[in-house]
Amino acid sequence: STSAPVTSITASFTIPTLSGQAGS
């Protein structure tokens, strides 16, 4: 933002199923 300080951010998502290397 060039006009004012940021006072809020929000986002929605679905928690993914993971794969890959154990411990990552």
mmCIF file of all heavy atoms, coordinates in Angstrom:
data_MODEL
# 
_entry.id   MODEL 
# 
loop_
_atom_site.group_PDB 
_atom_site.id 
_atom_site.type_symbol 
_atom_site.label_atom_id 
_atom_site.label_alt_id 
_atom_site.label_comp_id 
_atom_site.label_asym_id 
_atom_site.label_entity_id 
_atom_site.label_seq_id 
_atom_site.pdbx_PDB_ins_code 
_atom_site.Cartn_x 
_atom_site.Cartn_y 
_atom_site.Cartn_z 
_atom_site.occupancy 
_atom_site.B_iso_or_equiv 
_atom_site.pdbx_formal_charge 
_atom_site.auth_seq_id 
_atom_site.auth_comp_id 
_atom_site.auth_asym_id 
_atom_site.auth_atom_id 
_atom_site.pdbx_PDB_model_num 
ATOM 1   N N   . SER A 1 1  ? 0.853   -1.181  0.000  1.00 0.00 ? 1  SER A N   1 
ATOM 2   C CA  . SER A 1 1  ? 0.000   0.000   0.000  1.00 0.00 ? 1  SER A CA  1 
ATOM 3   C C   . SER A 1 1  ? 0.887   1.228   0.000  1.00 0.00 ? 1  SER A C   1 
ATOM 4   O O   . SER A 1 1  ? 1.834   1.315   0.781  1.00 0.00 ? 1  SER A O   1 
ATOM 5   C CB  . SER A 1 1  ? -0.891  0.012   1.245  1.00 0.00 ? 1  SER A CB  1 
ATOM 6   O OG  . SER A 1 1  ? -1.518  1.262   1.391  1.00 0.00 ? 1  SER A OG  1 
ATOM 7   N N   . THR A 1 2  ? 0.577   2.171   -0.861 1.00 0.00 ? 2  THR A N   1 
ATOM 8   C CA  . THR A 1 2  ? 1.317   3.427   -0.866 1.00 0.00 ? 2  THR A CA  1 
ATOM 9   C C   . THR A 1 2  ? 0.525   4.540   -0.206 1.00 0.00 ? 2  THR A C   1 
ATOM 10  O O   . THR A 1 2  ? 1.065   5.593   0.092  1.00 0.00 ? 2  THR A O   1 
ATOM 11  C CB  . THR A 1 2  ? 1.663   3.867   -2.299 1.00 0.00 ? 2  THR A CB  1 
ATOM 12  O OG1 . THR A 1 2  ? 0.447   4.035   -3.032 1.00 0.00 ? 2  THR A OG1 1 
ATOM 13  C CG2 . THR A 1 2  ? 2.552   2.839   -2.973 1.00 0.00 ? 2  THR A CG2 1 
ATOM 14  N N   . SER A 1 3  ? -0.766  4.280   0.029  1.00 0.00 ? 3  SER A N   1 
ATOM 15  C CA  . SER A 1 3  ? -1.624  5.347   0.549  1.00 0.00 ? 3  SER A CA  1 
ATOM 16  C C   . SER A 1 3  ? -1.836  5.301   2.056  1.00 0.00 ? 3  SER A C   1 
ATOM 17  O O   . SER A 1 3  ? -2.109  6.323   2.674  1.00 0.00 ? 3  SER A O   1 
ATOM 18  C CB  . SER A 1 3  ? -2.987  5.297   -0.141 1.00 0.00 ? 3  SER A CB  1 
ATOM 19  O OG  . SER A 1 3  ? -3.613  4.053   0.127  1.00 0.00 ? 3  SER A OG  1 
ATOM 20  N N   . ALA A 1 4  ? -1.729  4.128   2.663  1.00 0.00 ? 4  ALA A N   1 
ATOM 21  C CA  . ALA A 1 4  ? -2.012  4.013   4.098  1.00 0.00 ? 4  ALA A CA  1 
ATOM 22  C C   . ALA A 1 4  ? -1.365  2.753   4.645  1.00 0.00 ? 4  ALA A C   1 
ATOM 23  O O   . ALA A 1 4  ? -1.119  1.804   3.913  1.00 0.00 ? 4  ALA A O   1 
ATOM 24  C CB  . ALA A 1 4  ? -3.522  3.959   4.328  1.00 0.00 ? 4  ALA A CB  1 
ATOM 25  N N   . PRO A 1 5  ? -1.080  2.706   5.943  1.00 0.00 ? 5  PRO A N   1 
ATOM 26  C CA  . PRO A 1 5  ? -0.536  1.489   6.544  1.00 0.00 ? 5  PRO A CA  1 
ATOM 27  C C   . PRO A 1 5  ? -1.537  0.342   6.456  1.00 0.00 ? 5  PRO A C   1 
ATOM 28  O O   . PRO A 1 5  ? -2.744  0.550   6.489  1.00 0.00 ? 5  PRO A O   1 
ATOM 29  C CB  . PRO A 1 5  ? -0.315  1.879   8.004  1.00 0.00 ? 5  PRO A CB  1 
ATOM 30  C CG  . PRO A 1 5  ? -0.303  3.361   8.015  1.00 0.00 ? 5  PRO A CG  1 
ATOM 31  C CD  . PRO A 1 5  ? -1.193  3.796   6.901  1.00 0.00 ? 5  PRO A CD  1 
ATOM 32  N N   . VAL A 1 6  ? -1.018  -0.869  6.354  1.00 0.00 ? 6  VAL A N   1 
ATOM 33  C CA  . VAL A 1 6  ? -1.877  -2.056  6.346  1.00 0.00 ? 6  VAL A CA  1 
ATOM 34  C C   . VAL A 1 6  ? -2.359  -2.321  7.763  1.00 0.00 ? 6  VAL A C   1 
ATOM 35  O O   . VAL A 1 6  ? -1.560  -2.369  8.703  1.00 0.00 ? 6  VAL A O   1 
ATOM 36  C CB  . VAL A 1 6  ? -1.121  -3.280  5.799  1.00 0.00 ? 6  VAL A CB  1 
ATOM 37  C CG1 . VAL A 1 6  ? -1.959  -4.535  5.930  1.00 0.00 ? 6  VAL A CG1 1 
ATOM 38  C CG2 . VAL A 1 6  ? -0.710  -3.050  4.359  1.00 0.00 ? 6  VAL A CG2 1 
ATOM 39  N N   . THR A 1 7  ? -3.656  -2.481  7.924  1.00 0.00 ? 7  THR A N   1 
ATOM 40  C CA  . THR A 1 7  ? -4.214  -2.776  9.245  1.00 0.00 ? 7  THR A CA  1 
ATOM 41  C C   . THR A 1 7  ? -4.926  -4.115  9.298  1.00 0.00 ? 7  THR A C   1 
ATOM 42  O O   . THR A 1 7  ? -5.363  -4.522  10.373 1.00 0.00 ? 7  THR A O   1 
ATOM 43  C CB  . THR A 1 7  ? -5.183  -1.671  9.700  1.00 0.00 ? 7  THR A CB  1 
ATOM 44  O OG1 . THR A 1 7  ? -6.232  -1.550  8.732  1.00 0.00 ? 7  THR A OG1 1 
ATOM 45  C CG2 . THR A 1 7  ? -4.441  -0.337  9.868  1.00 0.00 ? 7  THR A CG2 1 
ATOM 46  N N   . SER A 1 8  ? -5.023  -4.835  8.158  1.00 0.00 ? 8  SER A N   1 
ATOM 47  C CA  . SER A 1 8  ? -5.674  -6.141  8.182  1.00 0.00 ? 8  SER A CA  1 
ATOM 48  C C   . SER A 1 8  ? -5.330  -6.931  6.932  1.00 0.00 ? 8  SER A C   1 
ATOM 49  O O   . SER A 1 8  ? -5.204  -6.368  5.843  1.00 0.00 ? 8  SER A O   1 
ATOM 50  C CB  . SER A 1 8  ? -7.195  -5.969  8.275  1.00 0.00 ? 8  SER A CB  1 
ATOM 51  O OG  . SER A 1 8  ? -7.842  -7.228  8.255  1.00 0.00 ? 8  SER A OG  1 
ATOM 52  N N   . ILE A 1 9  ? -5.165  -8.248  7.101  1.00 0.00 ? 9  ILE A N   1 
ATOM 53  C CA  . ILE A 1 9  ? -5.010  -9.184  5.981  1.00 0.00 ? 9  ILE A CA  1 
ATOM 54  C C   . ILE A 1 9  ? -5.771  -10.446 6.353  1.00 0.00 ? 9  ILE A C   1 
ATOM 55  O O   . ILE A 1 9  ? -5.739  -10.880 7.511  1.00 0.00 ? 9  ILE A O   1 
ATOM 56  C CB  . ILE A 1 9  ? -3.523  -9.491  5.669  1.00 0.00 ? 9  ILE A CB  1 
ATOM 57  C CG1 . ILE A 1 9  ? -3.374  -10.434 4.461  1.00 0.00 ? 9  ILE A CG1 1 
ATOM 58  C CG2 . ILE A 1 9  ? -2.792  -10.035 6.878  1.00 0.00 ? 9  ILE A CG2 1 
ATOM 59  C CD1 . ILE A 1 9  ? -3.687  -9.820  3.131  1.00 0.00 ? 9  ILE A CD1 1 
ATOM 60  N N   . THR A 1 10 ? -6.473  -11.016 5.393  1.00 0.00 ? 10 THR A N   1 
ATOM 61  C CA  . THR A 1 10 ? -7.223  -12.253 5.641  1.00 0.00 ? 10 THR A CA  1 
ATOM 62  C C   . THR A 1 10 ? -7.161  -13.135 4.407  1.00 0.00 ? 10 THR A C   1 
ATOM 63  O O   . THR A 1 10 ? -7.060  -12.628 3.282  1.00 0.00 ? 10 THR A O   1 
ATOM 64  C CB  . THR A 1 10 ? -8.693  -11.953 6.030  1.00 0.00 ? 10 THR A CB  1 
ATOM 65  O OG1 . THR A 1 10 ? -9.329  -13.155 6.451  1.00 0.00 ? 10 THR A OG1 1 
ATOM 66  C CG2 . THR A 1 10 ? -9.462  -11.345 4.885  1.00 0.00 ? 10 THR A CG2 1 
ATOM 67  N N   . ALA A 1 11 ? -7.190  -14.446 4.601  1.00 0.00 ? 11 ALA A N   1 
ATOM 68  C CA  . ALA A 1 11 ? -7.206  -15.405 3.499  1.00 0.00 ? 11 ALA A CA  1 
ATOM 69  C C   . ALA A 1 11 ? -7.822  -16.711 3.995  1.00 0.00 ? 11 ALA A C   1 
ATOM 70  O O   . ALA A 1 11 ? -7.661  -17.076 5.163  1.00 0.00 ? 11 ALA A O   1 
ATOM 71  C CB  . ALA A 1 11 ? -5.797  -15.657 2.979  1.00 0.00 ? 11 ALA A CB  1 
ATOM 72  N N   . SER A 1 12 ? -8.510  -17.401 3.091  1.00 0.00 ? 12 SER A N   1 
ATOM 73  C CA  . SER A 1 12 ? -9.098  -18.711 3.399  1.00 0.00 ? 12 SER A CA  1 
ATOM 74  C C   . SER A 1 12 ? -8.457  -19.768 2.518  1.00 0.00 ? 12 SER A C   1 
ATOM 75  O O   . SER A 1 12 ? -8.013  -19.480 1.400  1.00 0.00 ? 12 SER A O   1 
ATOM 76  C CB  . SER A 1 12 ? -10.612 -18.678 3.152  1.00 0.00 ? 12 SER A CB  1 
ATOM 77  O OG  . SER A 1 12 ? -11.240 -17.763 4.017  1.00 0.00 ? 12 SER A OG  1 
ATOM 78  N N   . PHE A 1 13 ? -8.409  -21.013 3.006  1.00 0.00 ? 13 PHE A N   1 
ATOM 79  C CA  . PHE A 1 13 ? -7.821  -22.122 2.260  1.00 0.00 ? 13 PHE A CA  1 
ATOM 80  C C   . PHE A 1 13 ? -8.277  -23.431 2.897  1.00 0.00 ? 13 PHE A C   1 
ATOM 81  O O   . PHE A 1 13 ? -8.879  -23.442 3.974  1.00 0.00 ? 13 PHE A O   1 
ATOM 82  C CB  . PHE A 1 13 ? -6.287  -22.046 2.276  1.00 0.00 ? 13 PHE A CB  1 
ATOM 83  C CG  . PHE A 1 13 ? -5.694  -22.178 3.651  1.00 0.00 ? 13 PHE A CG  1 
ATOM 84  C CD1 . PHE A 1 13 ? -5.216  -23.394 4.112  1.00 0.00 ? 13 PHE A CD1 1 
ATOM 85  C CD2 . PHE A 1 13 ? -5.634  -21.075 4.505  1.00 0.00 ? 13 PHE A CD2 1 
ATOM 86  C CE1 . PHE A 1 13 ? -4.689  -23.508 5.397  1.00 0.00 ? 13 PHE A CE1 1 
ATOM 87  C CE2 . PHE A 1 13 ? -5.113  -21.179 5.776  1.00 0.00 ? 13 PHE A CE2 1 
ATOM 88  C CZ  . PHE A 1 13 ? -4.642  -22.403 6.230  1.00 0.00 ? 13 PHE A CZ  1 
ATOM 89  N N   . THR A 1 14 ? -7.987  -24.531 2.232  1.00 0.00 ? 14 THR A N   1 
ATOM 90  C CA  . THR A 1 14 ? -8.252  -25.864 2.763  1.00 0.00 ? 14 THR A CA  1 
ATOM 91  C C   . THR A 1 14 ? -6.922  -26.486 3.151  1.00 0.00 ? 14 THR A C   1 
ATOM 92  O O   . THR A 1 14 ? -5.969  -26.468 2.357  1.00 0.00 ? 14 THR A O   1 
ATOM 93  C CB  . THR A 1 14 ? -8.976  -26.743 1.721  1.00 0.00 ? 14 THR A CB  1 
ATOM 94  O OG1 . THR A 1 14 ? -10.230 -26.124 1.401  1.00 0.00 ? 14 THR A OG1 1 
ATOM 95  C CG2 . THR A 1 14 ? -9.223  -28.140 2.253  1.00 0.00 ? 14 THR A CG2 1 
ATOM 96  N N   . ILE A 1 15 ? -6.833  -27.027 4.367  1.00 0.00 ? 15 ILE A N   1 
ATOM 97  C CA  . ILE A 1 15 ? -5.590  -27.664 4.815  1.00 0.00 ? 15 ILE A CA  1 
ATOM 98  C C   . ILE A 1 15 ? -5.288  -28.851 3.904  1.00 0.00 ? 15 ILE A C   1 
ATOM 99  O O   . ILE A 1 15 ? -6.130  -29.733 3.726  1.00 0.00 ? 15 ILE A O   1 
ATOM 100 C CB  . ILE A 1 15 ? -5.695  -28.133 6.276  1.00 0.00 ? 15 ILE A CB  1 
ATOM 101 C CG1 . ILE A 1 15 ? -5.929  -26.924 7.204  1.00 0.00 ? 15 ILE A CG1 1 
ATOM 102 C CG2 . ILE A 1 15 ? -4.434  -28.902 6.689  1.00 0.00 ? 15 ILE A CG2 1 
ATOM 103 C CD1 . ILE A 1 15 ? -6.185  -27.304 8.649  1.00 0.00 ? 15 ILE A CD1 1 
ATOM 104 N N   . PRO A 1 16 ? -4.100  -28.874 3.307  1.00 0.00 ? 16 PRO A N   1 
ATOM 105 C CA  . PRO A 1 16 ? -3.785  -29.935 2.342  1.00 0.00 ? 16 PRO A CA  1 
ATOM 106 C C   . PRO A 1 16 ? -3.379  -31.247 2.993  1.00 0.00 ? 16 PRO A C   1 
ATOM 107 O O   . PRO A 1 16 ? -2.933  -31.284 4.136  1.00 0.00 ? 16 PRO A O   1 
ATOM 108 C CB  . PRO A 1 16 ? -2.597  -29.339 1.576  1.00 0.00 ? 16 PRO A CB  1 
ATOM 109 C CG  . PRO A 1 16 ? -1.907  -28.486 2.593  1.00 0.00 ? 16 PRO A CG  1 
ATOM 110 C CD  . PRO A 1 16 ? -3.014  -27.889 3.434  1.00 0.00 ? 16 PRO A CD  1 
ATOM 111 N N   . THR A 1 17 ? -3.532  -32.324 2.224  1.00 0.00 ? 17 THR A N   1 
ATOM 112 C CA  . THR A 1 17 ? -2.933  -33.611 2.568  1.00 0.00 ? 17 THR A CA  1 
ATOM 113 C C   . THR A 1 17 ? -1.491  -33.544 2.092  1.00 0.00 ? 17 THR A C   1 
ATOM 114 O O   . THR A 1 17 ? -1.219  -33.092 0.979  1.00 0.00 ? 17 THR A O   1 
ATOM 115 C CB  . THR A 1 17 ? -3.676  -34.764 1.874  1.00 0.00 ? 17 THR A CB  1 
ATOM 116 O OG1 . THR A 1 17 ? -4.997  -34.817 2.404  1.00 0.00 ? 17 THR A OG1 1 
ATOM 117 C CG2 . THR A 1 17 ? -2.977  -36.096 2.105  1.00 0.00 ? 17 THR A CG2 1 
ATOM 118 N N   . LEU A 1 18 ? -0.566  -33.953 2.944  1.00 0.00 ? 18 LEU A N   1 
ATOM 119 C CA  . LEU A 1 18 ? 0.855   -33.850 2.624  1.00 0.00 ? 18 LEU A CA  1 
ATOM 120 C C   . LEU A 1 18 ? 1.418   -35.166 2.106  1.00 0.00 ? 18 LEU A C   1 
ATOM 121 O O   . LEU A 1 18 ? 0.897   -36.247 2.393  1.00 0.00 ? 18 LEU A O   1 
ATOM 122 C CB  . LEU A 1 18 ? 1.639   -33.438 3.876  1.00 0.00 ? 18 LEU A CB  1 
ATOM 123 C CG  . LEU A 1 18 ? 1.242   -32.123 4.538  1.00 0.00 ? 18 LEU A CG  1 
ATOM 124 C CD1 . LEU A 1 18 ? 2.089   -31.885 5.775  1.00 0.00 ? 18 LEU A CD1 1 
ATOM 125 C CD2 . LEU A 1 18 ? 1.358   -30.962 3.568  1.00 0.00 ? 18 LEU A CD2 1 
ATOM 126 N N   . SER A 1 19 ? 2.506   -35.066 1.373  1.00 0.00 ? 19 SER A N   1 
ATOM 127 C CA  . SER A 1 19 ? 3.307   -36.220 0.978  1.00 0.00 ? 19 SER A CA  1 
ATOM 128 C C   . SER A 1 19 ? 4.750   -35.744 0.919  1.00 0.00 ? 19 SER A C   1 
ATOM 129 O O   . SER A 1 19 ? 5.041   -34.591 1.214  1.00 0.00 ? 19 SER A O   1 
ATOM 130 C CB  . SER A 1 19 ? 2.840   -36.773 -0.377 1.00 0.00 ? 19 SER A CB  1 
ATOM 131 O OG  . SER A 1 19 ? 2.986   -35.801 -1.388 1.00 0.00 ? 19 SER A OG  1 
ATOM 132 N N   . GLY A 1 20 ? 5.653   -36.632 0.552  1.00 0.00 ? 20 GLY A N   1 
ATOM 133 C CA  . GLY A 1 20 ? 7.047   -36.218 0.435  1.00 0.00 ? 20 GLY A CA  1 
ATOM 134 C C   . GLY A 1 20 ? 7.949   -36.953 1.389  1.00 0.00 ? 20 GLY A C   1 
ATOM 135 O O   . GLY A 1 20 ? 7.762   -38.138 1.662  1.00 0.00 ? 20 GLY A O   1 
ATOM 136 N N   . GLN A 1 21 ? 8.913   -36.252 1.940  1.00 0.00 ? 21 GLN A N   1 
ATOM 137 C CA  . GLN A 1 21 ? 9.918   -36.833 2.817  1.00 0.00 ? 21 GLN A CA  1 
ATOM 138 C C   . GLN A 1 21 ? 9.478   -36.719 4.270  1.00 0.00 ? 21 GLN A C   1 
ATOM 139 O O   . GLN A 1 21 ? 9.103   -35.639 4.735  1.00 0.00 ? 21 GLN A O   1 
ATOM 140 C CB  . GLN A 1 21 ? 11.259  -36.125 2.619  1.00 0.00 ? 21 GLN A CB  1 
ATOM 141 C CG  . GLN A 1 21 ? 12.386  -36.744 3.411  1.00 0.00 ? 21 GLN A CG  1 
ATOM 142 C CD  . GLN A 1 21 ? 13.721  -36.100 3.070  1.00 0.00 ? 21 GLN A CD  1 
ATOM 143 O OE1 . GLN A 1 21 ? 13.828  -35.259 2.199  1.00 0.00 ? 21 GLN A OE1 1 
ATOM 144 N NE2 . GLN A 1 21 ? 14.753  -36.522 3.786  1.00 0.00 ? 21 GLN A NE2 1 
ATOM 145 N N   . ALA A 1 22 ? 9.515   -37.835 5.001  1.00 0.00 ? 22 ALA A N   1 
ATOM 146 C CA  . ALA A 1 22 ? 9.129   -37.833 6.416  1.00 0.00 ? 22 ALA A CA  1 
ATOM 147 C C   . ALA A 1 22 ? 9.925   -36.779 7.171  1.00 0.00 ? 22 ALA A C   1 
ATOM 148 O O   . ALA A 1 22 ? 11.114  -36.605 6.949  1.00 0.00 ? 22 ALA A O   1 
ATOM 149 C CB  . ALA A 1 22 ? 9.356   -39.209 7.038  1.00 0.00 ? 22 ALA A CB  1 
ATOM 150 N N   . GLY A 1 23 ? 9.236   -36.058 8.034  1.00 0.00 ? 23 GLY A N   1 
ATOM 151 C CA  . GLY A 1 23 ? 9.876   -35.033 8.842  1.00 0.00 ? 23 GLY A CA  1 
ATOM 152 C C   . GLY A 1 23 ? 9.913   -33.662 8.198  1.00 0.00 ? 23 GLY A C   1 
ATOM 153 O O   . GLY A 1 23 ? 10.268  -32.684 8.851  1.00 0.00 ? 23 GLY A O   1 
ATOM 154 N N   . SER A 1 24 ? 9.569   -33.569 6.918  1.00 0.00 ? 24 SER A N   1 
ATOM 155 C CA  . SER A 1 24 ? 9.535   -32.241 6.300  1.00 0.00 ? 24 SER A CA  1 
ATOM 156 C C   . SER A 1 24 ? 8.381   -31.453 6.906  1.00 0.00 ? 24 SER A C   1 
ATOM 157 O O   . SER A 1 24 ? 7.378   -32.009 7.327  1.00 0.00 ? 24 SER A O   1 
ATOM 158 C CB  . SER A 1 24 ? 9.396   -32.359 4.780  1.00 0.00 ? 24 SER A CB  1 
ATOM 159 O OG  . SER A 1 24 ? 8.268   -33.129 4.424  1.00 0.00 ? 24 SER A OG  1 
# 
